[in-house]
Amino acid sequence: MKKNIPITALAVSSLTAMLFTSVVQAADEDLRSASQQAIADFQNKDSTLQKLLGDSAGYAVFPNVGKGGFIVGGARGKGLVYEKTNVVGEATLTQASIGAQVGGQTFAEMILFETPAALSDFKAGKFEMSADVSAVAAAEGASAAAKYKNGVAVFALPKKGLMVQASVGGQKFKFEPVPMEPTGRPSPTPNN
C-alpha cells in the first residue's frame, strides 16, 4: 500500500503538469489570436497604418486593456511585442492614476517604436510612458498625421465602456522575451 502512494503522487503530479502546460499554451494561443485580431482591427480603422508599421523598428500590441476609476484609477493589459513582424516577447501594461476620472472601459493599444534603441529600451524595462504622450484614436488617416514623441507613437482603439480620462501617461511595462528555437526563430509559445 505504501509503495502505491509515491506512484500515485507521481502520476497526479505529472497529470497536473500536463494540464497546466495545456492551459498555458491555450492562453498563449489566445493572446496571439487576440493580438493578430487587434492588429487587423487597427488596420481596418486606418488603412495608412500599414506604412507606419513597416517603417517602425517594432511595436507592442495590447488587445484588451481594462481601465477604470473614480478619482483613483488603474489599467492593466497583456500583449505581444514584435520586432518588425516577429514576436520577440510578451509585455504587461499597468497604470495607476489619481485625478479627475470616472468610469471604465476596455480598449486595444498599439505602441510603435521609431528606432531600434526605443524598442531596446522597452525590452530592457527602461521605458515608462511620459505624461506628455497621448494616444491617437484609431481612425482613417490618423496614422498619417501621427508624430513620434520620445521614440514612440501610441494608438488606441476603444472597445467597450466610457471613461472620462484617456491619458496613457504613467503606463509602465514589464517585458518577457520569447524563448528561441534552435533555428534562432522565436518558439511558437511565449513564456508566462
Protein backbone atom coordinates (compact mmCIF):
# COMPACT_ATOMS: atom_id res chain seq x y z
CA MET A 1 0.00 0.00 0.00
CA LYS A 2 2.80 2.45 0.93
CA LYS A 3 4.54 1.76 -2.42
CA ASN A 4 1.42 2.86 -4.31
CA ILE A 5 1.33 6.31 -2.66
CA PRO A 6 4.54 7.64 -4.32
CA ILE A 7 3.47 6.18 -7.68
CA THR A 8 0.02 7.77 -7.35
CA ALA A 9 1.56 11.09 -6.27
CA LEU A 10 3.93 10.99 -9.26
CA ALA A 11 1.04 10.22 -11.62
CA VAL A 12 -1.08 13.07 -10.20
CA SER A 13 1.89 15.48 -10.40
CA SER A 14 2.58 14.50 -14.00
CA LEU A 15 -1.09 14.90 -14.95
CA THR A 16 -1.25 18.31 -13.24
CA ALA A 17 1.89 19.47 -15.07
CA MET A 18 0.47 18.33 -18.44
CA LEU A 19 -2.86 20.09 -17.76
CA PHE A 20 -1.09 23.30 -16.66
CA THR A 21 1.09 23.23 -19.79
CA SER A 22 -2.02 22.81 -21.95
CA VAL A 23 -3.75 25.73 -20.22
CA VAL A 24 -0.65 27.95 -20.61
CA GLN A 25 -0.34 27.03 -24.31
CA ALA A 26 -4.05 27.75 -24.84
CA ALA A 27 -3.66 31.14 -23.11
CA ASP A 28 -0.61 31.89 -25.29
CA GLU A 29 -2.57 30.99 -28.43
CA ASP A 30 -5.49 33.15 -27.23
CA LEU A 31 -3.09 36.09 -26.76
CA ARG A 32 -1.60 35.52 -30.23
CA SER A 33 -5.06 35.34 -31.83
CA ALA A 34 -6.30 38.39 -29.93
CA SER A 35 -3.15 40.34 -30.88
CA GLN A 36 -3.48 39.42 -34.55
CA GLN A 37 -7.15 40.44 -34.46
CA ALA A 38 -6.26 43.76 -32.77
CA ILE A 39 -3.67 44.50 -35.49
CA ALA A 40 -6.29 43.74 -38.15
CA ASP A 41 -8.82 45.95 -36.32
CA PHE A 42 -6.35 48.86 -36.18
CA GLN A 43 -5.56 48.46 -39.89
CA ASN A 44 -9.28 48.25 -40.77
CA LYS A 45 -9.86 51.55 -38.95
CA ASP A 46 -6.82 53.19 -40.59
CA SER A 47 -5.54 51.88 -43.91
CA THR A 48 -2.50 54.19 -43.70
CA LEU A 49 -1.25 52.44 -40.55
CA GLN A 50 0.47 49.67 -42.57
CA LYS A 51 3.17 52.06 -43.82
CA LEU A 52 3.91 53.31 -40.30
CA LEU A 53 4.12 49.71 -39.05
CA GLY A 54 6.50 48.80 -41.88
CA ASP A 55 8.76 51.78 -41.16
CA SER A 56 8.88 51.19 -37.39
CA ALA A 57 11.58 49.19 -35.60
CA GLY A 58 8.82 47.23 -33.89
CA TYR A 59 5.60 47.53 -31.96
CA ALA A 60 3.69 46.26 -28.94
CA VAL A 61 0.04 45.26 -29.20
CA PHE A 62 -2.22 45.05 -26.17
CA PRO A 63 -5.51 43.63 -27.49
CA ASN A 64 -7.50 44.08 -24.26
CA VAL A 65 -6.61 46.79 -21.79
CA GLY A 66 -9.07 47.25 -18.95
CA LYS A 67 -9.18 50.68 -17.34
CA GLY A 68 -11.41 52.00 -14.59
CA GLY A 69 -11.58 54.51 -11.84
CA PHE A 70 -13.36 57.02 -9.70
CA ILE A 71 -10.78 59.68 -8.78
CA VAL A 72 -8.27 56.85 -8.20
CA GLY A 73 -7.90 54.56 -11.19
CA GLY A 74 -5.86 51.88 -12.84
CA ALA A 75 -5.35 49.96 -16.05
CA ARG A 76 -3.88 46.57 -16.96
CA GLY A 77 -3.38 44.57 -20.12
CA LYS A 78 -1.21 41.86 -21.60
CA GLY A 79 0.19 41.91 -25.12
CA LEU A 80 2.84 40.83 -27.57
CA VAL A 81 5.96 42.68 -28.67
CA TYR A 82 7.08 42.49 -32.30
CA GLU A 83 10.44 43.33 -33.82
CA LYS A 84 9.37 44.10 -37.37
CA THR A 85 6.98 41.14 -37.95
CA ASN A 86 8.48 38.63 -35.47
CA VAL A 87 7.12 38.12 -31.96
CA VAL A 88 10.02 38.68 -29.55
CA GLY A 89 8.14 38.63 -26.25
CA GLU A 90 5.16 39.36 -24.08
CA ALA A 91 4.53 42.55 -22.16
CA THR A 92 2.28 43.53 -19.30
CA LEU A 93 0.94 47.09 -19.14
CA THR A 94 -0.02 48.64 -15.80
CA GLN A 95 -1.09 52.14 -14.89
CA ALA A 96 -2.20 53.85 -11.70
CA SER A 97 -3.61 57.35 -11.65
CA ILE A 98 -5.18 59.90 -9.36
CA GLY A 99 -7.26 62.82 -10.57
CA ALA A 100 -10.37 63.73 -12.49
CA GLN A 101 -11.61 60.40 -13.84
CA VAL A 102 -14.74 58.33 -13.66
CA GLY A 103 -15.96 55.21 -15.43
CA GLY A 104 -14.46 52.17 -17.04
CA GLN A 105 -13.54 50.97 -20.48
CA THR A 106 -11.81 48.28 -22.48
CA PHE A 107 -9.61 49.22 -25.40
CA ALA A 108 -6.79 47.93 -27.59
CA GLU A 109 -3.49 49.79 -27.57
CA MET A 110 -0.63 49.71 -30.05
CA ILE A 111 2.76 51.28 -29.33
CA LEU A 112 5.07 51.80 -32.32
CA PHE A 113 8.82 52.14 -31.73
CA GLU A 114 10.54 54.58 -34.07
CA THR A 115 14.07 53.23 -33.62
CA PRO A 116 15.80 50.02 -32.52
CA ALA A 117 17.02 51.96 -29.46
CA ALA A 118 13.42 52.77 -28.40
CA LEU A 119 12.48 49.09 -28.80
CA SER A 120 15.59 48.02 -26.84
CA ASP A 121 14.71 50.42 -24.00
CA PHE A 122 11.21 48.92 -23.86
CA LYS A 123 12.60 45.36 -23.74
CA ALA A 124 15.18 46.32 -21.09
CA GLY A 125 12.50 47.76 -18.80
CA LYS A 126 13.81 51.32 -19.21
CA PHE A 127 10.53 52.55 -20.61
CA GLU A 128 7.62 54.33 -18.98
CA MET A 129 5.06 56.39 -20.84
CA SER A 130 5.73 60.04 -20.00
CA ALA A 131 2.90 62.36 -19.06
CA ASP A 132 3.19 64.30 -22.32
CA VAL A 133 2.49 61.24 -24.52
CA SER A 134 -1.11 60.73 -25.56
CA ALA A 135 -2.79 58.03 -27.60
CA VAL A 136 -4.17 58.78 -31.06
CA ALA A 137 -7.63 57.35 -31.57
CA ALA A 138 -7.56 54.88 -34.45
CA ALA A 139 -9.43 56.38 -37.42
CA GLU A 140 -8.87 56.60 -41.17
CA GLY A 141 -5.76 58.69 -41.85
CA ALA A 142 -4.87 59.17 -38.18
CA SER A 143 -1.50 57.43 -38.51
CA ALA A 144 -0.50 59.70 -41.41
CA ALA A 145 -0.73 62.68 -39.06
CA ALA A 146 0.75 60.86 -36.02
CA LYS A 147 4.10 62.04 -34.73
CA TYR A 148 6.60 60.06 -32.69
CA LYS A 149 7.27 61.50 -29.24
CA ASN A 150 10.25 60.22 -27.26
CA GLY A 151 10.65 57.44 -29.86
CA VAL A 152 7.07 56.13 -29.66
CA ALA A 153 3.69 56.67 -31.27
CA VAL A 154 0.64 55.32 -29.44
CA PHE A 155 -2.74 54.35 -30.91
CA ALA A 156 -5.89 53.35 -29.04
CA LEU A 157 -8.99 51.58 -30.28
CA PRO A 158 -11.96 51.77 -27.86
CA LYS A 159 -13.94 48.54 -27.43
CA LYS A 160 -16.42 48.90 -24.56
CA GLY A 161 -17.37 51.37 -21.89
CA LEU A 162 -16.89 55.05 -21.33
CA MET A 163 -14.26 56.79 -19.30
CA VAL A 164 -13.81 60.49 -18.76
CA GLN A 165 -9.98 60.43 -18.86
CA ALA A 166 -7.94 58.92 -21.67
CA SER A 167 -4.27 59.55 -20.95
CA VAL A 168 -1.56 56.91 -21.37
CA GLY A 169 0.95 58.87 -19.28
CA GLY A 170 2.33 56.85 -16.40
CA GLN A 171 1.86 53.49 -18.05
CA LYS A 172 4.56 51.02 -17.04
CA PHE A 173 5.57 47.85 -18.84
CA LYS A 174 7.16 44.54 -17.98
CA PHE A 175 8.73 42.64 -20.89
CA GLU A 176 9.39 38.89 -21.01
CA PRO A 177 11.32 37.57 -24.02
CA VAL A 178 10.11 34.64 -26.08
CA PRO A 179 12.31 31.55 -25.84
CA MET A 180 14.17 30.89 -29.09
CA GLU A 181 14.14 27.65 -31.06
CA PRO A 182 17.46 26.08 -32.18
CA THR A 183 16.88 27.69 -35.60
CA GLY A 184 17.16 31.14 -33.98
CA ARG A 185 13.47 31.88 -34.61
CA PRO A 186 11.04 32.58 -31.75
CA SER A 187 9.29 29.50 -30.42
CA PRO A 188 5.54 29.27 -31.08
CA THR A 189 4.54 30.00 -27.47
CA PRO A 190 5.85 32.89 -25.33
CA ASN A 191 6.72 32.48 -21.65
CA ASN A 192 4.17 33.23 -19.00
